[in-house]
Amino acid sequence: MSVRKFRIAALAVLTAVVLPAATPAVAAPAQDATRAQDASGKAAPSYQAWQADVKKAVGPAVPWLRGRSAERGGKPAIVLDIDNTALETYYHEGRANKPVLEVAEWAHEHHMPVLFVTARTSSSSARKQLEHAGYPVDAICTREHGESKGEGKARCRKELTRDGYAITANIGNRSTDFEGGYYEKGFKLPDYGGLLS
């Protein structure tokens, strides 16, 4: 057997061995849909059920912003949480949560700053991920070391308010996204008892 024929035969064997091993990676998103469970063994809902719940939660946001935009008092802005709010962190790491992205795009098109308040501690990595997912990013405020999530987010909204923003819509999925005020109206996405943190 010539060297060339031997190499082709060896590649054919390798392909037959390697390709089946790569197949399970395609099924990974379906496995992710049930990976988190609470103490009672309750699993997070399917991606489709979550998206339906997200759409219901943020459905009133654009009409609210439209009315607030018409008033033009202050410098109206929106605040978004990142994980499992702006991004589909639980279901698809780094991918934009489309119903929330649509709200952000509407705000941006109507000259409302899109601000992010997060329990993360690195703004540079968060900004890269958000921009890669298609979000307009006017500012990001992160939690400081030693702060609880609720304390950090309240401090951020207070600082943004002092900077002149009128936070007209605050969108998040955890109760800590709404503690401490400094916003006009909250839109809470589901977290299913903490399964989607």
C-alpha atoms as a PDB file:
ATOM      1  CA  MET A   1       0.000   0.000   0.000  1.00  0.00           C
ATOM      2  CA  SER A   2       1.378   3.401  -0.929  1.00  0.00           C
ATOM      3  CA  VAL A   3       1.994   6.052   1.764  1.00  0.00           C
ATOM      4  CA  ARG A   4      -0.760   8.241   0.278  1.00  0.00           C
ATOM      5  CA  LYS A   5      -3.340   5.415   0.330  1.00  0.00           C
ATOM      6  CA  PHE A   6      -2.285   4.521   3.878  1.00  0.00           C
ATOM      7  CA  ARG A   7      -2.834   8.141   5.043  1.00  0.00           C
ATOM      8  CA  ILE A   8      -6.291   8.265   3.402  1.00  0.00           C
ATOM      9  CA  ALA A   9      -7.256   4.965   5.048  1.00  0.00           C
ATOM     10  CA  ALA A  10      -5.984   6.200   8.422  1.00  0.00           C
ATOM     11  CA  LEU A  11      -8.000   9.446   8.079  1.00  0.00           C
ATOM     12  CA  ALA A  12     -11.135   7.465   7.241  1.00  0.00           C
ATOM     13  CA  VAL A  13     -10.697   5.371  10.413  1.00  0.00           C
ATOM     14  CA  LEU A  14     -10.058   8.490  12.510  1.00  0.00           C
ATOM     15  CA  THR A  15     -13.151  10.204  11.107  1.00  0.00           C
ATOM     16  CA  ALA A  16     -15.289   7.188  11.928  1.00  0.00           C
ATOM     17  CA  VAL A  17     -13.958   7.175  15.508  1.00  0.00           C
ATOM     18  CA  VAL A  18     -13.954  10.937  16.186  1.00  0.00           C
ATOM     19  CA  LEU A  19     -17.257  12.084  14.667  1.00  0.00           C
ATOM     20  CA  PRO A  20     -19.594   9.967  16.832  1.00  0.00           C
ATOM     21  CA  ALA A  21     -17.814  11.262  19.964  1.00  0.00           C
ATOM     22  CA  ALA A  22     -18.622  14.865  18.945  1.00  0.00           C
ATOM     23  CA  THR A  23     -22.353  14.187  18.522  1.00  0.00           C
ATOM     24  CA  PRO A  24     -23.391  14.560  22.228  1.00  0.00           C
ATOM     25  CA  ALA A  25     -22.314  18.241  22.220  1.00  0.00           C
ATOM     26  CA  VAL A  26     -25.269  18.987  19.927  1.00  0.00           C
ATOM     27  CA  ALA A  27     -27.687  17.701  22.562  1.00  0.00           C
ATOM     28  CA  ALA A  28     -26.171  19.775  25.391  1.00  0.00           C
ATOM     29  CA  PRO A  29     -28.746  22.613  25.339  1.00  0.00           C
ATOM     30  CA  ALA A  30     -31.582  20.136  25.921  1.00  0.00           C
ATOM     31  CA  GLN A  31     -29.726  18.711  28.912  1.00  0.00           C
ATOM     32  CA  ASP A  32     -29.180  22.236  30.292  1.00  0.00           C
ATOM     33  CA  ALA A  33     -32.929  22.854  30.410  1.00  0.00           C
ATOM     34  CA  THR A  34     -33.301  20.638  33.489  1.00  0.00           C
ATOM     35  CA  ARG A  35     -29.919  20.972  35.177  1.00  0.00           C
ATOM     36  CA  ALA A  36     -30.905  23.155  38.153  1.00  0.00           C
ATOM     37  CA  GLN A  37     -33.076  21.814  40.920  1.00  0.00           C
ATOM     38  CA  ASP A  38     -34.122  23.251  44.249  1.00  0.00           C
ATOM     39  CA  ALA A  39     -33.979  21.334  47.526  1.00  0.00           C
ATOM     40  CA  SER A  40     -37.283  19.593  46.749  1.00  0.00           C
ATOM     41  CA  GLY A  41     -35.949  18.388  43.384  1.00  0.00           C
ATOM     42  CA  LYS A  42     -38.050  20.846  41.354  1.00  0.00           C
ATOM     43  CA  ALA A  43     -36.392  21.604  37.998  1.00  0.00           C
ATOM     44  CA  ALA A  44     -36.406  24.838  36.022  1.00  0.00           C
ATOM     45  CA  PRO A  45     -38.980  24.922  33.209  1.00  0.00           C
ATOM     46  CA  SER A  46     -38.214  24.337  29.555  1.00  0.00           C
ATOM     47  CA  TYR A  47     -36.649  27.136  27.547  1.00  0.00           C
ATOM     48  CA  GLN A  48     -39.920  27.668  25.677  1.00  0.00           C
ATOM     49  CA  ALA A  49     -41.904  28.013  28.929  1.00  0.00           C
ATOM     50  CA  TRP A  50     -39.336  30.462  30.296  1.00  0.00           C
ATOM     51  CA  GLN A  51     -39.483  32.567  27.131  1.00  0.00           C
ATOM     52  CA  ALA A  52     -43.290  32.706  27.343  1.00  0.00           C
ATOM     53  CA  ASP A  53     -43.003  33.890  30.963  1.00  0.00           C
ATOM     54  CA  VAL A  54     -40.345  36.473  30.014  1.00  0.00           C
ATOM     55  CA  LYS A  55     -42.523  37.883  27.227  1.00  0.00           C
ATOM     56  CA  LYS A  56     -45.442  38.203  29.630  1.00  0.00           C
ATOM     57  CA  ALA A  57     -43.258  39.999  32.205  1.00  0.00           C
ATOM     58  CA  VAL A  58     -41.701  42.535  29.808  1.00  0.00           C
ATOM     59  CA  GLY A  59     -44.713  42.943  27.509  1.00  0.00           C
ATOM     60  CA  PRO A  60     -45.877  46.114  29.321  1.00  0.00           C
ATOM     61  CA  ALA A  61     -42.372  47.672  29.323  1.00  0.00           C
ATOM     62  CA  VAL A  62     -42.391  49.375  25.899  1.00  0.00           C
ATOM     63  CA  PRO A  63     -45.880  50.890  26.361  1.00  0.00           C
ATOM     64  CA  TRP A  64     -44.673  52.192  29.741  1.00  0.00           C
ATOM     65  CA  LEU A  65     -41.509  53.628  28.196  1.00  0.00           C
ATOM     66  CA  ARG A  66     -43.492  55.152  25.326  1.00  0.00           C
ATOM     67  CA  GLY A  67     -45.675  57.036  27.810  1.00  0.00           C
ATOM     68  CA  ARG A  68     -42.673  58.063  29.897  1.00  0.00           C
ATOM     69  CA  SER A  69     -40.790  59.198  26.795  1.00  0.00           C
ATOM     70  CA  ALA A  70     -43.688  61.485  25.839  1.00  0.00           C
ATOM     71  CA  GLU A  71     -43.451  63.214  29.235  1.00  0.00           C
ATOM     72  CA  ARG A  72     -39.743  63.975  28.745  1.00  0.00           C
ATOM     73  CA  GLY A  73     -39.106  64.783  32.390  1.00  0.00           C
ATOM     74  CA  GLY A  74     -35.465  64.386  33.478  1.00  0.00           C
ATOM     75  CA  LYS A  75     -33.206  62.044  31.523  1.00  0.00           C
ATOM     76  CA  PRO A  76     -35.244  58.822  31.355  1.00  0.00           C
ATOM     77  CA  ALA A  77     -33.202  55.618  31.233  1.00  0.00           C
ATOM     78  CA  ILE A  78     -33.698  51.906  31.693  1.00  0.00           C
ATOM     79  CA  VAL A  79     -31.739  49.587  33.972  1.00  0.00           C
ATOM     80  CA  LEU A  80     -31.243  45.923  33.156  1.00  0.00           C
ATOM     81  CA  ASP A  81     -29.889  43.084  35.245  1.00  0.00           C
ATOM     82  CA  ILE A  82     -27.539  40.845  33.236  1.00  0.00           C
ATOM     83  CA  ASP A  83     -27.746  37.153  34.147  1.00  0.00           C
ATOM     84  CA  ASN A  84     -31.038  35.488  33.201  1.00  0.00           C
ATOM     85  CA  THR A  85     -32.445  38.906  32.337  1.00  0.00           C
ATOM     86  CA  ALA A  86     -30.451  40.557  29.529  1.00  0.00           C
ATOM     87  CA  LEU A  87     -28.607  37.313  28.792  1.00  0.00           C
ATOM     88  CA  GLU A  88     -29.918  33.741  28.718  1.00  0.00           C
ATOM     89  CA  THR A  89     -27.216  32.684  31.178  1.00  0.00           C
ATOM     90  CA  TYR A  90     -28.960  29.548  32.428  1.00  0.00           C
ATOM     91  CA  TYR A  91     -30.232  28.265  29.083  1.00  0.00           C
ATOM     92  CA  HIS A  92     -27.672  29.645  26.581  1.00  0.00           C
ATOM     93  CA  GLU A  93     -24.584  31.258  28.103  1.00  0.00           C
ATOM     94  CA  GLY A  94     -23.855  34.662  26.554  1.00  0.00           C
ATOM     95  CA  ARG A  95     -26.883  34.785  24.258  1.00  0.00           C
ATOM     96  CA  ALA A  96     -29.249  37.769  24.309  1.00  0.00           C
ATOM     97  CA  ASN A  97     -32.660  37.231  25.868  1.00  0.00           C
ATOM     98  CA  LYS A  98     -34.642  38.478  22.853  1.00  0.00           C
ATOM     99  CA  PRO A  99     -37.724  39.955  24.585  1.00  0.00           C
ATOM    100  CA  VAL A 100     -35.429  42.001  26.844  1.00  0.00           C
ATOM    101  CA  LEU A 101     -33.134  42.936  23.955  1.00  0.00           C
ATOM    102  CA  GLU A 102     -36.171  44.292  22.091  1.00  0.00           C
ATOM    103  CA  VAL A 103     -36.960  46.587  25.038  1.00  0.00           C
ATOM    104  CA  ALA A 104     -33.338  47.772  25.142  1.00  0.00           C
ATOM    105  CA  GLU A 105     -33.329  48.418  21.398  1.00  0.00           C
ATOM    106  CA  TRP A 106     -36.569  50.416  21.647  1.00  0.00           C
ATOM    107  CA  ALA A 107     -35.124  52.515  24.465  1.00  0.00           C
ATOM    108  CA  HIS A 108     -31.896  53.115  22.537  1.00  0.00           C
ATOM    109  CA  GLU A 109     -33.769  54.117  19.372  1.00  0.00           C
ATOM    110  CA  HIS A 110     -35.757  56.639  21.443  1.00  0.00           C
ATOM    111  CA  HIS A 111     -32.635  58.148  23.036  1.00  0.00           C
ATOM    112  CA  MET A 112     -33.093  56.513  26.447  1.00  0.00           C
ATOM    113  CA  PRO A 113     -29.776  55.336  27.889  1.00  0.00           C
ATOM    114  CA  VAL A 114     -29.516  51.592  28.481  1.00  0.00           C
ATOM    115  CA  LEU A 115     -27.791  50.993  31.814  1.00  0.00           C
ATOM    116  CA  PHE A 116     -26.787  47.704  33.423  1.00  0.00           C
ATOM    117  CA  VAL A 117     -26.705  47.016  37.148  1.00  0.00           C
ATOM    118  CA  THR A 118     -25.226  43.648  38.052  1.00  0.00           C
ATOM    119  CA  ALA A 119     -24.023  41.518  40.942  1.00  0.00           C
ATOM    120  CA  ARG A 120     -20.958  40.730  38.837  1.00  0.00           C
ATOM    121  CA  THR A 121     -17.731  42.410  39.914  1.00  0.00           C
ATOM    122  CA  SER A 122     -16.079  42.975  36.504  1.00  0.00           C
ATOM    123  CA  SER A 123     -17.558  45.599  34.210  1.00  0.00           C
ATOM    124  CA  SER A 124     -15.105  45.048  31.328  1.00  0.00           C
ATOM    125  CA  SER A 125     -15.975  41.367  30.800  1.00  0.00           C
ATOM    126  CA  ALA A 126     -19.687  42.132  31.234  1.00  0.00           C
ATOM    127  CA  ARG A 127     -19.509  44.917  28.642  1.00  0.00           C
ATOM    128  CA  LYS A 128     -17.811  42.622  26.103  1.00  0.00           C
ATOM    129  CA  GLN A 129     -20.407  39.914  26.601  1.00  0.00           C
ATOM    130  CA  LEU A 130     -23.337  42.338  26.352  1.00  0.00           C
ATOM    131  CA  GLU A 131     -22.023  44.091  23.259  1.00  0.00           C
ATOM    132  CA  HIS A 132     -21.280  40.731  21.624  1.00  0.00           C
ATOM    133  CA  ALA A 133     -24.917  39.763  22.294  1.00  0.00           C
ATOM    134  CA  GLY A 134     -26.089  42.960  20.535  1.00  0.00           C
ATOM    135  CA  TYR A 135     -26.936  45.251  23.446  1.00  0.00           C
ATOM    136  CA  PRO A 136     -26.358  48.990  23.399  1.00  0.00           C
ATOM    137  CA  VAL A 137     -24.390  49.702  26.602  1.00  0.00           C
ATOM    138  CA  ASP A 138     -24.361  53.251  27.983  1.00  0.00           C
ATOM    139  CA  ALA A 139     -23.086  52.333  31.462  1.00  0.00           C
ATOM    140  CA  ILE A 140     -22.479  49.339  33.721  1.00  0.00           C
ATOM    141  CA  CYS A 141     -22.380  49.431  37.504  1.00  0.00           C
ATOM    142  CA  THR A 142     -21.046  46.369  39.335  1.00  0.00           C
ATOM    143  CA  ARG A 143     -21.187  45.132  42.897  1.00  0.00           C
ATOM    144  CA  GLU A 144     -18.260  45.998  45.130  1.00  0.00           C
ATOM    145  CA  HIS A 145     -16.509  43.334  47.188  1.00  0.00           C
ATOM    146  CA  GLY A 146     -18.250  42.865  50.531  1.00  0.00           C
ATOM    147  CA  GLU A 147     -21.636  44.132  49.338  1.00  0.00           C
ATOM    148  CA  SER A 148     -24.681  41.908  49.215  1.00  0.00           C
ATOM    149  CA  LYS A 149     -26.400  41.725  45.833  1.00  0.00           C
ATOM    150  CA  GLY A 150     -29.285  43.912  46.983  1.00  0.00           C
ATOM    151  CA  GLU A 151     -26.983  46.503  48.570  1.00  0.00           C
ATOM    152  CA  GLY A 152     -24.780  46.694  45.492  1.00  0.00           C
ATOM    153  CA  LYS A 153     -27.670  47.117  43.105  1.00  0.00           C
ATOM    154  CA  ALA A 154     -29.368  49.771  45.252  1.00  0.00           C
ATOM    155  CA  ARG A 155     -26.055  51.683  45.493  1.00  0.00           C
ATOM    156  CA  CYS A 156     -25.657  51.502  41.716  1.00  0.00           C
ATOM    157  CA  ARG A 157     -29.139  52.853  41.034  1.00  0.00           C
ATOM    158  CA  LYS A 158     -28.589  55.625  43.588  1.00  0.00           C
ATOM    159  CA  GLU A 159     -25.303  56.599  41.907  1.00  0.00           C
ATOM    160  CA  LEU A 160     -26.899  56.547  38.457  1.00  0.00           C
ATOM    161  CA  THR A 161     -29.717  58.744  39.751  1.00  0.00           C
ATOM    162  CA  ARG A 162     -27.156  61.190  41.178  1.00  0.00           C
ATOM    163  CA  ASP A 163     -25.530  61.223  37.730  1.00  0.00           C
ATOM    164  CA  GLY A 164     -28.798  62.637  36.369  1.00  0.00           C
ATOM    165  CA  TYR A 165     -30.559  59.533  35.061  1.00  0.00           C
ATOM    166  CA  ALA A 166     -34.260  59.087  35.800  1.00  0.00           C
ATOM    167  CA  ILE A 167     -34.519  55.291  35.942  1.00  0.00           C
ATOM    168  CA  THR A 168     -37.968  54.831  34.535  1.00  0.00           C
ATOM    169  CA  ALA A 169     -37.842  51.046  34.062  1.00  0.00           C
ATOM    170  CA  ASN A 170     -35.892  48.536  36.123  1.00  0.00           C
ATOM    171  CA  ILE A 171     -35.863  45.013  34.656  1.00  0.00           C
ATOM    172  CA  GLY A 172     -34.522  42.027  36.594  1.00  0.00           C
ATOM    173  CA  ASN A 173     -35.358  38.499  37.686  1.00  0.00           C
ATOM    174  CA  ARG A 174     -34.500  38.427  41.405  1.00  0.00           C
ATOM    175  CA  SER A 175     -35.949  40.280  44.379  1.00  0.00           C
ATOM    176  CA  THR A 176     -32.476  41.773  44.953  1.00  0.00           C
ATOM    177  CA  ASP A 177     -32.860  43.617  41.627  1.00  0.00           C
ATOM    178  CA  PHE A 178     -35.612  45.722  43.182  1.00  0.00           C
ATOM    179  CA  GLU A 179     -34.443  46.342  46.759  1.00  0.00           C
ATOM    180  CA  GLY A 180     -33.673  49.897  47.789  1.00  0.00           C
ATOM    181  CA  GLY A 181     -35.691  51.884  45.244  1.00  0.00           C
ATOM    182  CA  TYR A 182     -34.279  54.525  42.880  1.00  0.00           C
ATOM    183  CA  TYR A 183     -36.490  53.558  39.951  1.00  0.00           C
ATOM    184  CA  GLU A 184     -40.033  54.370  38.819  1.00  0.00           C
ATOM    185  CA  LYS A 185     -41.376  50.987  37.690  1.00  0.00           C
ATOM    186  CA  GLY A 186     -40.065  47.458  38.018  1.00  0.00           C
ATOM    187  CA  PHE A 187     -40.564  44.580  35.602  1.00  0.00           C
ATOM    188  CA  LYS A 188     -39.735  41.256  37.240  1.00  0.00           C
ATOM    189  CA  LEU A 189     -38.873  38.228  35.162  1.00  0.00           C
ATOM    190  CA  PRO A 190     -39.343  34.789  36.746  1.00  0.00           C
ATOM    191  CA  ASP A 191     -36.557  33.168  38.734  1.00  0.00           C
ATOM    192  CA  TYR A 192     -38.606  30.115  39.748  1.00  0.00           C
ATOM    193  CA  GLY A 193     -37.809  30.270  43.433  1.00  0.00           C
ATOM    194  CA  GLY A 194     -34.120  31.025  42.863  1.00  0.00           C
ATOM    195  CA  LEU A 195     -33.436  28.346  40.236  1.00  0.00           C
ATOM    196  CA  LEU A 196     -32.417  31.058  37.769  1.00  0.00           C
ATOM    197  CA  SER A 197     -30.010  33.203  39.775  1.00  0.00           C
END
